[in-house]
């Protein structure tokens, strides 16, 4: 255990409490959709800011996530 590990766990717990606080006002049926869309948003932001390549596997995964959201709301 070093200071970086302890700080990492601290940031993780702070993030968890902020997420719970942010979702407090939402309907429970919308939370899984928002969580799933997070993966899609992270993929695009990592492409824009870090230059990460978007492969066919990532695109197929994104399409599966979006199809799941579509089926969930149907």
N, C-alpha and C. Protein backbone atom coordinates (compact mmCIF):
# COMPACT_ATOMS: atom_id res chain seq x y z
N UNK A 1 0.85 -1.19 0.00
CA UNK A 1 0.00 0.00 0.00
C UNK A 1 0.90 1.25 0.00
N UNK A 2 0.62 2.10 -0.96
CA UNK A 2 1.33 3.38 -0.98
C UNK A 2 0.31 4.50 -1.13
N UNK A 3 0.79 5.70 -1.20
CA UNK A 3 -0.08 6.86 -1.21
C UNK A 3 -0.95 6.91 -2.47
N UNK A 4 -0.43 6.41 -3.61
CA UNK A 4 -1.20 6.43 -4.85
C UNK A 4 -2.39 5.49 -4.78
N UNK A 5 -2.20 4.33 -4.17
CA UNK A 5 -3.30 3.38 -4.03
C UNK A 5 -4.36 3.94 -3.09
N UNK A 6 -3.95 4.51 -2.01
CA UNK A 6 -4.90 5.08 -1.05
C UNK A 6 -5.66 6.24 -1.69
N UNK A 7 -4.95 7.10 -2.42
CA UNK A 7 -5.63 8.21 -3.11
C UNK A 7 -6.58 7.69 -4.18
N UNK A 8 -6.19 6.64 -4.88
CA UNK A 8 -7.06 6.05 -5.90
C UNK A 8 -8.36 5.54 -5.31
N UNK A 9 -8.26 4.81 -4.20
CA UNK A 9 -9.48 4.33 -3.54
C UNK A 9 -10.32 5.49 -3.00
N UNK A 10 -9.67 6.52 -2.50
CA UNK A 10 -10.41 7.68 -2.01
C UNK A 10 -11.18 8.36 -3.13
N UNK A 11 -10.54 8.53 -4.28
CA UNK A 11 -11.22 9.14 -5.42
C UNK A 11 -12.37 8.27 -5.90
N UNK A 12 -12.17 6.94 -5.85
CA UNK A 12 -13.24 6.03 -6.27
C UNK A 12 -14.47 6.18 -5.36
N UNK A 13 -14.24 6.25 -4.04
CA UNK A 13 -15.38 6.39 -3.13
C UNK A 13 -16.05 7.75 -3.27
N UNK A 14 -15.27 8.79 -3.47
CA UNK A 14 -15.86 10.11 -3.69
C UNK A 14 -16.71 10.11 -4.96
N UNK A 15 -16.20 9.48 -6.02
CA UNK A 15 -16.95 9.38 -7.27
C UNK A 15 -18.24 8.60 -7.07
N UNK A 16 -18.19 7.54 -6.28
CA UNK A 16 -19.39 6.75 -6.03
C UNK A 16 -20.46 7.58 -5.31
N UNK A 17 -20.05 8.35 -4.31
CA UNK A 17 -21.02 9.16 -3.59
C UNK A 17 -21.58 10.29 -4.46
N UNK A 18 -20.76 10.87 -5.31
CA UNK A 18 -21.25 11.90 -6.22
C UNK A 18 -22.25 11.31 -7.21
N UNK A 19 -21.97 10.10 -7.70
CA UNK A 19 -22.89 9.44 -8.63
C UNK A 19 -24.22 9.15 -7.97
N UNK A 20 -24.19 8.64 -6.75
CA UNK A 20 -25.44 8.36 -6.02
C UNK A 20 -26.21 9.65 -5.79
N UNK A 21 -25.51 10.71 -5.44
CA UNK A 21 -26.16 12.00 -5.22
C UNK A 21 -26.77 12.53 -6.52
N UNK A 22 -26.07 12.35 -7.65
CA UNK A 22 -26.56 12.86 -8.94
C UNK A 22 -27.78 12.07 -9.41
N UNK A 23 -27.80 10.76 -9.15
CA UNK A 23 -28.92 9.93 -9.61
C UNK A 23 -30.12 9.98 -8.67
N UNK A 24 -30.00 10.68 -7.58
CA UNK A 24 -31.08 10.72 -6.60
C UNK A 24 -32.37 11.31 -7.17
N UNK A 25 -32.27 12.24 -8.07
CA UNK A 25 -33.45 12.89 -8.62
C UNK A 25 -34.01 12.21 -9.85
N UNK A 26 -33.37 11.15 -10.32
CA UNK A 26 -33.82 10.48 -11.54
C UNK A 26 -34.75 9.32 -11.23
N UNK A 27 -35.54 8.97 -12.22
CA UNK A 27 -36.38 7.79 -12.12
C UNK A 27 -35.49 6.55 -12.26
N UNK A 28 -35.80 5.50 -11.51
CA UNK A 28 -34.96 4.31 -11.52
C UNK A 28 -34.90 3.64 -12.89
N UNK A 29 -35.89 3.81 -13.73
CA UNK A 29 -35.87 3.17 -15.04
C UNK A 29 -34.89 3.85 -15.99
N UNK A 30 -34.47 5.07 -15.70
CA UNK A 30 -33.54 5.78 -16.58
C UNK A 30 -32.07 5.55 -16.23
N UNK A 31 -31.79 5.12 -15.04
CA UNK A 31 -30.41 4.98 -14.59
C UNK A 31 -29.63 3.95 -15.40
N UNK A 32 -30.16 2.75 -15.70
CA UNK A 32 -29.36 1.81 -16.51
C UNK A 32 -29.03 2.35 -17.90
N UNK A 33 -29.91 3.14 -18.46
CA UNK A 33 -29.65 3.71 -19.78
C UNK A 33 -28.51 4.73 -19.70
N UNK A 34 -28.52 5.55 -18.69
CA UNK A 34 -27.48 6.55 -18.53
C UNK A 34 -26.13 5.87 -18.29
N UNK A 35 -26.12 4.82 -17.47
CA UNK A 35 -24.89 4.08 -17.23
C UNK A 35 -24.36 3.46 -18.51
N UNK A 36 -25.24 2.91 -19.33
CA UNK A 36 -24.82 2.28 -20.58
C UNK A 36 -24.31 3.31 -21.58
N UNK A 37 -24.95 4.44 -21.63
CA UNK A 37 -24.49 5.49 -22.54
C UNK A 37 -23.12 6.03 -22.14
N UNK A 38 -22.76 5.86 -20.89
CA UNK A 38 -21.44 6.29 -20.44
C UNK A 38 -20.32 5.61 -21.20
N UNK A 39 -20.49 4.32 -21.53
CA UNK A 39 -19.46 3.61 -22.29
C UNK A 39 -19.30 4.20 -23.69
N UNK A 40 -20.40 4.57 -24.30
CA UNK A 40 -20.35 5.15 -25.64
C UNK A 40 -19.69 6.53 -25.59
N UNK A 41 -20.05 7.33 -24.62
CA UNK A 41 -19.48 8.67 -24.48
C UNK A 41 -17.98 8.59 -24.21
N UNK A 42 -17.57 7.67 -23.34
CA UNK A 42 -16.15 7.52 -23.03
C UNK A 42 -15.36 7.12 -24.27
N UNK A 43 -15.94 6.27 -25.12
CA UNK A 43 -15.25 5.86 -26.33
C UNK A 43 -15.01 7.06 -27.25
N UNK A 44 -16.02 7.89 -27.44
CA UNK A 44 -15.85 9.06 -28.30
C UNK A 44 -14.91 10.10 -27.69
N UNK A 45 -15.01 10.31 -26.39
CA UNK A 45 -14.11 11.28 -25.74
C UNK A 45 -12.66 10.80 -25.76
N UNK A 46 -12.44 9.50 -25.60
CA UNK A 46 -11.07 8.99 -25.66
C UNK A 46 -10.51 9.13 -27.07
N UNK A 47 -11.37 9.03 -28.07
CA UNK A 47 -10.93 9.26 -29.45
C UNK A 47 -10.56 10.72 -29.66
N UNK A 48 -11.39 11.63 -29.15
CA UNK A 48 -11.16 13.05 -29.36
C UNK A 48 -9.95 13.58 -28.59
N UNK A 49 -9.85 13.22 -27.32
CA UNK A 49 -8.83 13.81 -26.47
C UNK A 49 -7.52 13.03 -26.43
N UNK A 50 -7.59 11.70 -26.53
CA UNK A 50 -6.38 10.89 -26.39
C UNK A 50 -5.94 10.23 -27.69
N UNK A 51 -6.73 10.39 -28.75
CA UNK A 51 -6.36 9.81 -30.02
C UNK A 51 -6.45 8.30 -30.06
N UNK A 52 -7.25 7.73 -29.19
CA UNK A 52 -7.41 6.28 -29.16
C UNK A 52 -8.15 5.81 -30.41
N UNK A 53 -7.71 4.70 -30.98
CA UNK A 53 -8.32 4.20 -32.20
C UNK A 53 -9.64 3.51 -31.91
N UNK A 54 -10.60 3.72 -32.78
CA UNK A 54 -11.89 3.05 -32.68
C UNK A 54 -11.85 1.87 -33.65
N UNK A 55 -11.81 0.68 -33.10
CA UNK A 55 -11.72 -0.52 -33.92
C UNK A 55 -13.11 -1.05 -34.24
N UNK A 56 -13.15 -2.06 -35.12
CA UNK A 56 -14.44 -2.67 -35.46
C UNK A 56 -15.07 -3.32 -34.25
N UNK A 57 -14.27 -3.91 -33.39
CA UNK A 57 -14.82 -4.54 -32.18
C UNK A 57 -15.49 -3.51 -31.28
N UNK A 58 -14.87 -2.35 -31.16
CA UNK A 58 -15.46 -1.28 -30.35
C UNK A 58 -16.75 -0.77 -30.97
N UNK A 59 -16.75 -0.62 -32.29
CA UNK A 59 -17.97 -0.18 -32.97
C UNK A 59 -19.10 -1.20 -32.82
N UNK A 60 -18.77 -2.47 -32.94
CA UNK A 60 -19.80 -3.51 -32.76
C UNK A 60 -20.32 -3.49 -31.33
N UNK A 61 -19.42 -3.31 -30.37
CA UNK A 61 -19.85 -3.21 -28.98
C UNK A 61 -20.75 -2.02 -28.74
N UNK A 62 -20.42 -0.89 -29.37
CA UNK A 62 -21.25 0.30 -29.23
C UNK A 62 -22.62 0.08 -29.84
N UNK A 63 -22.68 -0.59 -30.99
CA UNK A 63 -23.96 -0.88 -31.63
C UNK A 63 -24.79 -1.81 -30.75
N UNK A 64 -24.15 -2.79 -30.13
CA UNK A 64 -24.88 -3.70 -29.23
C UNK A 64 -25.44 -2.93 -28.03
N UNK A 65 -24.65 -2.02 -27.48
CA UNK A 65 -25.13 -1.21 -26.35
C UNK A 65 -26.31 -0.35 -26.78
N UNK A 66 -26.20 0.30 -27.92
CA UNK A 66 -27.29 1.15 -28.39
C UNK A 66 -28.54 0.34 -28.73
N UNK A 67 -28.37 -0.87 -29.29
CA UNK A 67 -29.52 -1.74 -29.54
C UNK A 67 -30.18 -2.16 -28.23
N UNK A 68 -29.36 -2.43 -27.23
CA UNK A 68 -29.91 -2.78 -25.92
C UNK A 68 -30.72 -1.65 -25.32
N UNK A 69 -30.24 -0.43 -25.47
CA UNK A 69 -30.98 0.74 -24.98
C UNK A 69 -32.29 0.88 -25.74
N UNK A 70 -32.23 0.68 -27.06
CA UNK A 70 -33.44 0.78 -27.87
C UNK A 70 -34.47 -0.27 -27.45
N UNK A 71 -34.03 -1.50 -27.23
CA UNK A 71 -34.93 -2.57 -26.81
C UNK A 71 -35.49 -2.28 -25.40
N UNK A 72 -34.66 -1.70 -24.54
CA UNK A 72 -35.08 -1.39 -23.17
C UNK A 72 -36.21 -0.36 -23.17
N UNK A 73 -36.13 0.61 -24.05
CA UNK A 73 -37.15 1.65 -24.07
C UNK A 73 -38.37 1.29 -24.92
N UNK A 74 -38.29 0.24 -25.70
CA UNK A 74 -39.44 -0.17 -26.52
C UNK A 74 -40.47 -0.76 -25.66
